[in-house]
Amino acid sequence: MAYVIGDDCVSCGACASTCPVGAISEGDGKYEINADECIECGACADGCPADAISL
């Protein structure tokens, strides 16, 4: 199961810069994680200042 970015996302981009496989991109109003590319490492969740990322 891939990580998911919730509605608390503030579109700061911190998660995208921490993703080692580039699975995160800017979406419509918030960032999005490509589930097919996510390796479930948790780097994005650790780097999110808004705690908007979860499994």
C-alpha atoms as a PDB file:
ATOM      1  CA  MET A   1       0.000   0.000   0.000  1.00  0.00           C
ATOM      2  CA  ALA A   2       1.474   3.362  -1.018  1.00  0.00           C
ATOM      3  CA  TYR A   3       1.575   6.467   1.121  1.00  0.00           C
ATOM      4  CA  VAL A   4      -1.214   9.004   0.552  1.00  0.00           C
ATOM      5  CA  ILE A   5      -1.179  12.781   0.928  1.00  0.00           C
ATOM      6  CA  GLY A   6      -4.273  14.067   2.723  1.00  0.00           C
ATOM      7  CA  ASP A   7      -6.178  17.327   2.618  1.00  0.00           C
ATOM      8  CA  ASP A   8      -3.896  18.867   5.259  1.00  0.00           C
ATOM      9  CA  CYS A   9      -1.232  19.291   2.541  1.00  0.00           C
ATOM     10  CA  VAL A  10       0.009  22.891   2.374  1.00  0.00           C
ATOM     11  CA  SER A  11       1.754  22.398  -1.018  1.00  0.00           C
ATOM     12  CA  CYS A  12       5.198  23.241   0.366  1.00  0.00           C
ATOM     13  CA  GLY A  13       6.982  20.571  -1.707  1.00  0.00           C
ATOM     14  CA  ALA A  14       9.024  19.186   1.186  1.00  0.00           C
ATOM     15  CA  CYS A  15       7.787  15.662   0.462  1.00  0.00           C
ATOM     16  CA  ALA A  16       8.769  15.769  -3.209  1.00  0.00           C
ATOM     17  CA  SER A  17      12.322  16.732  -2.389  1.00  0.00           C
ATOM     18  CA  THR A  18      12.686  13.817   0.065  1.00  0.00           C
ATOM     19  CA  CYS A  19      11.285  11.071  -2.182  1.00  0.00           C
ATOM     20  CA  PRO A  20      14.182   8.888  -3.399  1.00  0.00           C
ATOM     21  CA  VAL A  21      12.269   7.563  -6.424  1.00  0.00           C
ATOM     22  CA  GLY A  22      10.525  10.745  -7.560  1.00  0.00           C
ATOM     23  CA  ALA A  23       7.028   9.366  -6.967  1.00  0.00           C
ATOM     24  CA  ILE A  24       5.623  12.714  -5.775  1.00  0.00           C
ATOM     25  CA  SER A  25       4.452  15.517  -8.025  1.00  0.00           C
ATOM     26  CA  GLU A  26       2.460  18.707  -7.685  1.00  0.00           C
ATOM     27  CA  GLY A  27      -1.223  18.079  -8.240  1.00  0.00           C
ATOM     28  CA  ASP A  28      -4.344  20.207  -8.244  1.00  0.00           C
ATOM     29  CA  GLY A  29      -4.230  22.034  -4.905  1.00  0.00           C
ATOM     30  CA  LYS A  30      -1.896  19.550  -3.197  1.00  0.00           C
ATOM     31  CA  TYR A  31       0.934  17.161  -3.948  1.00  0.00           C
ATOM     32  CA  GLU A  32       0.191  13.594  -5.061  1.00  0.00           C
ATOM     33  CA  ILE A  33       2.007  10.279  -4.705  1.00  0.00           C
ATOM     34  CA  ASN A  34       2.089   7.891  -7.653  1.00  0.00           C
ATOM     35  CA  ALA A  35       1.126   4.581  -6.031  1.00  0.00           C
ATOM     36  CA  ASP A  36       2.862   2.566  -8.761  1.00  0.00           C
ATOM     37  CA  GLU A  37       6.195   4.274  -8.053  1.00  0.00           C
ATOM     38  CA  CYS A  38       6.008   4.569  -4.235  1.00  0.00           C
ATOM     39  CA  ILE A  39       8.405   2.192  -2.439  1.00  0.00           C
ATOM     40  CA  GLU A  40       6.827   2.833   0.989  1.00  0.00           C
ATOM     41  CA  CYS A  41      10.066   4.099   2.551  1.00  0.00           C
ATOM     42  CA  GLY A  42       8.332   6.796   4.640  1.00  0.00           C
ATOM     43  CA  ALA A  43      10.780   9.582   3.773  1.00  0.00           C
ATOM     44  CA  CYS A  44       7.931  11.789   2.579  1.00  0.00           C
ATOM     45  CA  ALA A  45       5.927  11.349   5.789  1.00  0.00           C
ATOM     46  CA  ASP A  46       9.004  12.111   7.890  1.00  0.00           C
ATOM     47  CA  GLY A  47       9.658  15.282   5.890  1.00  0.00           C
ATOM     48  CA  CYS A  48       6.104  16.639   5.886  1.00  0.00           C
ATOM     49  CA  PRO A  49       5.745  19.639   8.232  1.00  0.00           C
ATOM     50  CA  ALA A  50       1.926  19.397   8.127  1.00  0.00           C
ATOM     51  CA  ASP A  51       1.723  15.664   8.976  1.00  0.00           C
ATOM     52  CA  ALA A  52      -0.455  15.260   5.877  1.00  0.00           C
ATOM     53  CA  ILE A  53       1.057  11.955   4.677  1.00  0.00           C
ATOM     54  CA  SER A  54       0.031   8.515   5.907  1.00  0.00           C
ATOM     55  CA  LEU A  55      -0.237   4.895   4.787  1.00  0.00           C
END
